[in-house]
Amino acid sequence: MVLRKRLLLALALLLILIVISTTGYRVLGGPSVTFLQALYMAVITLAGVGYGEIVDTSHNPVLRVFNIGIVLFGVAITVYVFSIVAAFMVEMEFKKPFWRRRMQHHIDQLTGHHIVCGLGDTGRYAVAELQKTNTPHVVVDISEESIRKLKELHPGTLQEMLYVVGDATEEDILEKAGLSRAAGLIAGLPLDKDNLVVTVIVRQRFPKMRIVARSAERKFAERMLRAGANSTVSPSQIGGMRLASELIRPHVVAFLDTMLKEQGRTVRVEEIEVKATSPWAGNSLHDLNLKGRYNLLVLGVKRPVAEGSLELQVNPPDQSVVDRQFIIIAMGDIKDIQRARQDAGV
């Protein structure tokens, strides 16, 4: 930061010297000297390029003394500016490894986070949603330039984004992102075959990790599901459903858009898992009073009906008893959701 201030100061001094020298040549050179000639004389004098004088100083002692002063000050300030610029560039190059080590240290401290592979047209929106909902995550992308551009587009929300630069189809790159400690992964790379490779790599090592993969073609979606993806998302299918919804239910779409894009608060439809050790287990929805205590609207519950399968009940009655392994689907501010999860022991 100190070096940046010195650089700005040096550039300001150089600009001031150009203004002073241009004004001096214009005033002392007489009415025959135009502004452009004075500016040109100032620049070639300060740059020391050795071009011939276009403002005659041979018959004007005052102007010649002024020219000597400009040369002396100009050389000093120009050397100072270039030295600061060089030091600034060197410092930036030295800082890069430090930033990466510090970022890797933060990544190594994470557990239960999510990994987003790919910052394309799909991945960037996934990252933005995870950021808005305060969900810990690490981004993996092969292009550091893509990461930089995304951070510039969202300077307020993504400035502290954790990321790893590398090929997400390489297992060691995924491990740098904390794969062994992660809770879930989004395979959002541009090519379906790469997302299939990521799915296979992760599923072979972690049978219980949740994997969501992007697929542009149906045949790859089926392969990803067979390879172990929990779910696949087709941008074309989602886009088509959105178009139809805009046509036949525009007010519902407007409501959802407002909910997702509202400034100041983040309202979402989220799920709260009731684990075996949760203090909520055995209580009814009436006793939990999610509306009064957390300002949450219960939309449904998913209850276990067989080994590994859940049944969805929409708009459950208040008398419904929440048991172990139930999942409550509720809508509300993400801060209230997180508070409810803490009380539920999640």
Protein backbone atom coordinates (compact mmCIF):
# COMPACT_ATOMS: atom_id res chain seq x y z
CA MET A 1 0.00 0.00 0.00
CA VAL A 2 2.91 2.37 0.80
CA LEU A 3 4.50 1.63 -2.56
CA ARG A 4 1.20 2.27 -4.34
CA LYS A 5 0.95 5.70 -2.68
CA ARG A 6 4.53 6.51 -3.69
CA LEU A 7 3.73 5.53 -7.27
CA LEU A 8 0.68 7.81 -7.34
CA LEU A 9 2.76 10.63 -5.84
CA ALA A 10 5.49 10.18 -8.46
CA LEU A 11 2.98 10.22 -11.32
CA ALA A 12 1.35 13.32 -9.85
CA LEU A 13 4.73 15.09 -9.67
CA LEU A 14 5.45 14.17 -13.28
CA LEU A 15 2.08 15.51 -14.38
CA ILE A 16 2.63 18.75 -12.45
CA LEU A 17 6.06 19.18 -14.05
CA ILE A 18 4.56 18.71 -17.53
CA VAL A 19 1.94 21.37 -16.78
CA ILE A 20 4.54 23.81 -15.40
CA SER A 21 6.97 23.29 -18.29
CA THR A 22 4.21 23.61 -20.91
CA THR A 23 3.01 26.83 -19.31
CA GLY A 24 6.58 28.17 -19.06
CA TYR A 25 7.38 27.50 -22.71
CA ARG A 26 4.06 29.02 -23.75
CA VAL A 27 4.50 32.22 -21.71
CA LEU A 28 8.27 32.75 -22.02
CA GLY A 29 8.40 31.72 -25.67
CA GLY A 30 6.26 34.62 -26.77
CA PRO A 31 3.04 34.87 -28.78
CA SER A 32 4.47 32.84 -31.67
CA VAL A 33 4.57 29.65 -29.54
CA THR A 34 1.30 27.69 -29.63
CA PHE A 35 0.03 25.44 -26.87
CA LEU A 36 0.78 22.31 -28.91
CA GLN A 37 4.35 23.48 -29.58
CA ALA A 38 4.85 24.20 -25.87
CA LEU A 39 3.49 20.77 -24.89
CA TYR A 40 5.67 19.06 -27.49
CA MET A 41 8.74 20.94 -26.23
CA ALA A 42 7.93 19.94 -22.65
CA VAL A 43 7.54 16.25 -23.52
CA ILE A 44 10.73 15.93 -25.59
CA THR A 45 12.70 17.82 -22.95
CA LEU A 46 11.47 15.63 -20.09
CA ALA A 47 11.84 12.45 -22.13
CA GLY A 48 15.36 13.39 -23.24
CA VAL A 49 14.83 12.05 -26.75
CA GLY A 50 17.20 14.59 -28.29
CA TYR A 51 14.96 16.13 -30.93
CA GLY A 52 15.69 19.67 -32.07
CA GLU A 53 14.19 22.61 -30.19
CA ILE A 54 10.98 23.91 -31.72
CA VAL A 55 10.90 26.78 -29.20
CA ASP A 56 13.95 28.97 -29.79
CA THR A 57 15.89 29.57 -26.56
CA SER A 58 19.08 30.99 -28.09
CA HIS A 59 17.97 34.63 -27.83
CA ASN A 60 16.04 34.31 -24.57
CA PRO A 61 18.28 33.86 -21.49
CA VAL A 62 15.31 33.54 -19.13
CA LEU A 63 13.82 30.76 -21.24
CA ARG A 64 17.19 29.00 -21.44
CA VAL A 65 17.57 29.07 -17.62
CA PHE A 66 13.99 27.79 -17.36
CA ASN A 67 14.87 24.99 -19.79
CA ILE A 68 17.91 24.00 -17.70
CA GLY A 69 15.73 23.76 -14.60
CA ILE A 70 13.14 21.66 -16.42
CA VAL A 71 15.84 19.27 -17.66
CA LEU A 72 17.34 18.82 -14.18
CA PHE A 73 14.01 18.36 -12.40
CA GLY A 74 12.64 16.30 -15.27
CA VAL A 75 15.49 13.79 -15.21
CA ALA A 76 15.23 13.42 -11.44
CA ILE A 77 11.46 12.93 -11.41
CA THR A 78 11.48 10.64 -14.47
CA VAL A 79 14.13 8.39 -12.91
CA TYR A 80 12.14 8.38 -9.67
CA VAL A 81 8.92 7.42 -11.49
CA PHE A 82 10.55 4.55 -13.38
CA SER A 83 12.24 3.25 -10.22
CA ILE A 84 8.90 3.25 -8.37
CA VAL A 85 7.17 1.51 -11.29
CA ALA A 86 9.89 -1.16 -11.38
CA ALA A 87 9.70 -1.67 -7.61
CA PHE A 88 5.90 -1.89 -7.80
CA MET A 89 6.03 -4.58 -10.50
CA VAL A 90 8.65 -6.58 -8.60
CA GLU A 91 6.57 -6.39 -5.41
CA MET A 92 3.49 -7.64 -7.26
CA GLU A 93 5.44 -10.61 -8.61
CA PHE A 94 6.78 -11.46 -5.14
CA LYS A 95 3.33 -11.16 -3.60
CA LYS A 96 1.70 -13.69 -5.96
CA PRO A 97 3.26 -16.78 -4.32
CA PHE A 98 2.48 -15.35 -0.88
CA TRP A 99 -1.18 -14.79 -1.80
CA ARG A 100 -1.44 -18.32 -3.13
CA ARG A 101 0.16 -19.81 -0.02
CA ARG A 102 -2.17 -17.82 2.20
CA MET A 103 -5.21 -18.86 0.14
CA GLN A 104 -4.12 -22.50 0.20
CA HIS A 105 -3.79 -22.24 3.97
CA HIS A 106 -7.40 -21.02 4.21
CA ILE A 107 -8.55 -23.86 1.94
CA ASP A 108 -6.71 -26.39 4.09
CA GLN A 109 -8.72 -25.21 7.12
CA LEU A 110 -12.08 -25.86 5.44
CA THR A 111 -14.22 -28.92 6.12
CA GLY A 112 -17.72 -29.74 4.94
CA HIS A 113 -17.40 -27.22 2.12
CA HIS A 114 -18.40 -27.51 -1.55
CA ILE A 115 -16.21 -27.51 -4.65
CA VAL A 116 -17.26 -25.80 -7.89
CA CYS A 117 -15.39 -27.03 -10.97
CA GLY A 118 -15.49 -24.53 -13.82
CA LEU A 119 -16.28 -20.82 -13.99
CA GLY A 120 -18.11 -20.79 -17.29
CA ASP A 121 -21.61 -19.50 -17.97
CA THR A 122 -23.01 -22.07 -15.53
CA GLY A 123 -20.36 -22.20 -12.83
CA ARG A 124 -20.26 -18.45 -12.19
CA TYR A 125 -23.95 -18.40 -11.25
CA ALA A 126 -23.46 -21.39 -8.96
CA VAL A 127 -20.61 -19.55 -7.23
CA ALA A 128 -22.72 -16.40 -6.86
CA GLU A 129 -25.53 -18.38 -5.21
CA LEU A 130 -23.16 -20.14 -2.81
CA GLN A 131 -21.67 -16.77 -1.92
CA LYS A 132 -25.06 -15.17 -1.29
CA THR A 133 -26.14 -18.00 0.99
CA ASN A 134 -22.83 -17.99 2.92
CA THR A 135 -22.08 -21.57 1.88
CA PRO A 136 -18.34 -22.36 2.20
CA HIS A 137 -16.91 -23.27 -1.20
CA VAL A 138 -13.75 -23.47 -3.29
CA VAL A 139 -13.60 -22.77 -7.03
CA VAL A 140 -11.44 -24.79 -9.43
CA ASP A 141 -10.76 -23.35 -12.89
CA ILE A 142 -7.99 -23.83 -15.41
CA SER A 143 -7.83 -20.10 -16.24
CA GLU A 144 -6.73 -17.58 -13.63
CA GLU A 145 -7.87 -14.87 -16.04
CA SER A 146 -11.47 -16.14 -15.79
CA ILE A 147 -11.25 -15.99 -12.01
CA ARG A 148 -9.85 -12.46 -12.10
CA LYS A 149 -12.61 -11.24 -14.44
CA LEU A 150 -15.31 -12.75 -12.23
CA LYS A 151 -13.87 -11.05 -9.15
CA GLU A 152 -13.79 -7.73 -11.02
CA LEU A 153 -17.47 -8.13 -11.97
CA HIS A 154 -18.40 -8.76 -8.33
CA PRO A 155 -15.82 -6.83 -6.27
CA GLY A 156 -17.99 -6.67 -3.18
CA THR A 157 -19.07 -10.31 -2.92
CA LEU A 158 -16.32 -12.37 -4.54
CA GLN A 159 -13.19 -10.49 -3.51
CA GLU A 160 -12.31 -13.10 -0.87
CA MET A 161 -13.26 -16.07 -3.05
CA LEU A 162 -11.07 -19.12 -2.48
CA TYR A 163 -9.87 -20.81 -5.64
CA VAL A 164 -7.40 -23.26 -7.13
CA VAL A 165 -5.98 -22.78 -10.62
CA GLY A 166 -5.69 -26.04 -12.52
CA ASP A 167 -7.40 -28.80 -14.49
CA ALA A 168 -10.36 -30.12 -12.48
CA THR A 169 -10.07 -33.51 -14.18
CA GLU A 170 -6.77 -34.03 -12.33
CA GLU A 171 -7.18 -35.64 -8.93
CA ASP A 172 -4.30 -33.73 -7.32
CA ILE A 173 -5.91 -30.41 -8.30
CA LEU A 174 -9.19 -31.48 -6.69
CA GLU A 175 -7.26 -32.51 -3.59
CA LYS A 176 -5.78 -29.00 -3.39
CA ALA A 177 -9.39 -27.79 -3.18
CA GLY A 178 -9.94 -30.02 -0.15
CA LEU A 179 -11.76 -32.88 -1.88
CA SER A 180 -11.21 -35.33 0.98
CA ARG A 181 -12.93 -32.92 3.42
CA ALA A 182 -15.68 -31.62 1.10
CA ALA A 183 -19.40 -32.29 1.46
CA GLY A 184 -20.34 -31.86 -2.19
CA LEU A 185 -19.11 -30.99 -5.66
CA ILE A 186 -20.48 -29.23 -8.74
CA ALA A 187 -19.05 -30.46 -12.04
CA GLY A 188 -19.73 -27.39 -14.16
CA LEU A 189 -17.02 -27.63 -16.81
CA PRO A 190 -17.87 -26.59 -20.40
CA LEU A 191 -17.48 -30.10 -21.87
CA ASP A 192 -19.73 -33.00 -20.84
CA LYS A 193 -16.90 -35.51 -21.14
CA ASP A 194 -14.84 -33.55 -18.61
CA ASN A 195 -17.75 -33.47 -16.17
CA LEU A 196 -18.10 -37.23 -16.62
CA VAL A 197 -14.41 -37.68 -15.78
CA VAL A 198 -14.76 -35.54 -12.65
CA THR A 199 -17.82 -37.53 -11.59
CA VAL A 200 -15.99 -40.85 -11.98
CA ILE A 201 -12.91 -39.63 -10.09
CA VAL A 202 -14.88 -38.29 -7.14
CA ARG A 203 -17.37 -41.16 -6.89
CA GLN A 204 -14.64 -43.80 -6.88
CA ARG A 205 -13.02 -42.20 -3.85
CA PHE A 206 -16.07 -40.91 -2.01
CA PRO A 207 -19.20 -43.07 -2.37
CA LYS A 208 -21.33 -40.79 -0.14
CA MET A 209 -20.34 -37.35 -1.44
CA ARG A 210 -23.10 -35.43 -3.23
CA ILE A 211 -22.22 -34.72 -6.87
CA VAL A 212 -24.21 -32.46 -9.18
CA ALA A 213 -23.05 -32.39 -12.80
CA ARG A 214 -23.79 -30.12 -15.73
CA SER A 215 -24.73 -31.90 -18.95
CA ALA A 216 -25.63 -30.38 -22.30
CA GLU A 217 -26.55 -33.70 -23.94
CA ARG A 218 -29.02 -36.30 -22.65
CA LYS A 219 -26.71 -39.24 -23.39
CA PHE A 220 -24.03 -37.77 -21.15
CA ALA A 221 -26.59 -37.07 -18.41
CA GLU A 222 -27.47 -40.77 -18.32
CA ARG A 223 -23.79 -41.73 -18.22
CA MET A 224 -23.11 -39.29 -15.39
CA LEU A 225 -25.95 -40.75 -13.35
CA ARG A 226 -24.64 -44.27 -13.95
CA ALA A 227 -21.14 -43.07 -13.01
CA GLY A 228 -22.42 -41.87 -9.65
CA ALA A 229 -23.74 -38.32 -9.98
CA ASN A 230 -26.64 -37.66 -7.61
CA SER A 231 -28.20 -35.26 -10.08
CA THR A 232 -27.59 -33.67 -13.47
CA VAL A 233 -28.64 -30.24 -14.69
CA SER A 234 -29.21 -29.34 -18.33
CA PRO A 235 -28.92 -25.59 -19.06
CA SER A 236 -31.09 -26.05 -22.16
CA GLN A 237 -33.81 -27.85 -20.22
CA ILE A 238 -33.79 -25.26 -17.44
CA GLY A 239 -33.89 -22.47 -20.03
CA GLY A 240 -36.86 -24.06 -21.80
CA MET A 241 -38.78 -24.50 -18.55
CA ARG A 242 -38.07 -20.87 -17.68
CA LEU A 243 -39.42 -19.70 -21.04
CA ALA A 244 -42.63 -21.69 -20.58
CA SER A 245 -43.04 -20.45 -17.00
CA GLU A 246 -42.60 -16.83 -18.10
CA LEU A 247 -45.40 -17.43 -20.60
CA ILE A 248 -48.02 -19.18 -18.44
CA ARG A 249 -47.17 -18.11 -14.86
CA PRO A 250 -45.39 -14.73 -15.10
CA HIS A 251 -46.36 -13.57 -11.59
CA VAL A 252 -44.90 -16.69 -9.99
CA VAL A 253 -41.67 -16.18 -11.92
CA ALA A 254 -41.59 -12.52 -10.88
CA PHE A 255 -42.04 -13.57 -7.24
CA LEU A 256 -39.18 -16.06 -7.46
CA ASP A 257 -36.95 -13.53 -9.21
CA THR A 258 -37.66 -10.96 -6.53
CA MET A 259 -36.88 -13.52 -3.85
CA LEU A 260 -33.57 -14.48 -5.47
CA LYS A 261 -32.43 -10.96 -6.35
CA GLU A 262 -33.74 -8.93 -3.42
CA GLN A 263 -31.15 -6.54 -2.04
CA GLY A 264 -30.51 -6.34 1.69
CA ARG A 265 -31.76 -9.83 2.57
CA THR A 266 -31.40 -13.29 1.08
CA VAL A 267 -34.68 -15.22 1.03
CA ARG A 268 -34.43 -18.84 -0.07
CA VAL A 269 -36.25 -22.17 0.04
CA GLU A 270 -33.90 -24.33 2.11
CA GLU A 271 -33.88 -27.70 3.85
CA ILE A 272 -33.21 -28.47 7.50
CA GLU A 273 -32.14 -32.01 8.26
CA VAL A 274 -33.26 -33.54 11.55
CA LYS A 275 -30.49 -35.92 12.56
CA ALA A 276 -30.69 -38.78 15.04
CA THR A 277 -29.15 -36.66 17.80
CA SER A 278 -31.24 -33.55 17.04
CA PRO A 279 -33.23 -32.02 19.92
CA TRP A 280 -36.04 -31.49 17.41
CA ALA A 281 -36.62 -35.23 16.97
CA GLY A 282 -39.96 -36.33 18.42
CA ASN A 283 -41.51 -32.84 18.41
CA SER A 284 -44.45 -31.75 16.28
CA LEU A 285 -44.27 -28.84 13.87
CA HIS A 286 -46.63 -27.00 16.23
CA ASP A 287 -44.20 -27.45 19.13
CA LEU A 288 -41.22 -26.37 17.03
CA ASN A 289 -43.11 -23.19 16.02
CA LEU A 290 -40.77 -22.38 13.14
CA LYS A 291 -42.93 -19.44 12.09
CA GLY A 292 -42.89 -17.76 15.50
CA ARG A 293 -39.31 -18.57 16.52
CA TYR A 294 -37.50 -18.22 13.21
CA ASN A 295 -39.99 -16.54 10.85
CA LEU A 296 -39.85 -19.57 8.55
CA LEU A 297 -42.69 -20.87 6.39
CA VAL A 298 -42.82 -24.68 6.28
CA LEU A 299 -43.56 -25.82 2.72
CA GLY A 300 -43.11 -29.54 3.17
CA VAL A 301 -41.33 -32.41 4.88
CA LYS A 302 -39.58 -35.48 3.55
CA ARG A 303 -39.96 -38.57 5.72
CA PRO A 304 -38.21 -41.94 5.40
CA VAL A 305 -40.55 -44.66 4.11
CA ALA A 306 -38.06 -47.37 3.17
CA GLU A 307 -34.35 -48.05 3.21
CA GLY A 308 -32.71 -45.01 1.64
CA SER A 309 -35.93 -43.48 0.22
CA LEU A 310 -37.89 -40.41 1.34
CA GLU A 311 -41.51 -39.43 0.74
CA LEU A 312 -42.44 -35.78 0.23
CA GLN A 313 -45.44 -34.35 2.06
CA VAL A 314 -46.45 -30.88 0.88
CA ASN A 315 -47.97 -28.39 3.34
CA PRO A 316 -47.88 -30.77 6.32
CA PRO A 317 -50.32 -30.18 9.22
CA ASP A 318 -49.03 -28.70 12.47
CA GLN A 319 -49.66 -32.01 14.22
CA SER A 320 -47.03 -33.75 12.07
CA VAL A 321 -44.32 -35.20 14.29
CA VAL A 322 -40.77 -34.62 13.15
CA ASP A 323 -38.73 -37.74 13.67
CA ARG A 324 -35.13 -38.69 13.01
CA GLN A 325 -33.90 -38.42 9.42
CA PHE A 326 -36.75 -36.06 8.53
CA ILE A 327 -36.00 -33.13 6.24
CA ILE A 328 -37.98 -29.93 6.72
CA ILE A 329 -38.36 -27.75 3.62
CA ALA A 330 -38.88 -24.13 4.64
CA MET A 331 -38.72 -20.65 3.13
CA GLY A 332 -37.19 -17.67 4.87
CA ASP A 333 -34.18 -15.43 5.25
CA ILE A 334 -30.93 -17.38 5.06
CA LYS A 335 -29.84 -15.98 8.44
CA ASP A 336 -32.99 -17.38 10.06
CA ILE A 337 -32.44 -20.69 8.28
CA GLN A 338 -28.91 -20.89 9.66
CA ARG A 339 -30.15 -20.08 13.16
CA ALA A 340 -32.76 -22.84 12.92
CA ARG A 341 -30.14 -25.30 11.69
CA GLN A 342 -27.93 -24.53 14.67
CA ASP A 343 -30.80 -25.17 17.08
CA ALA A 344 -31.63 -28.38 15.22
CA GLY A 345 -28.07 -29.58 15.72
CA VAL A 346 -27.14 -29.51 12.04
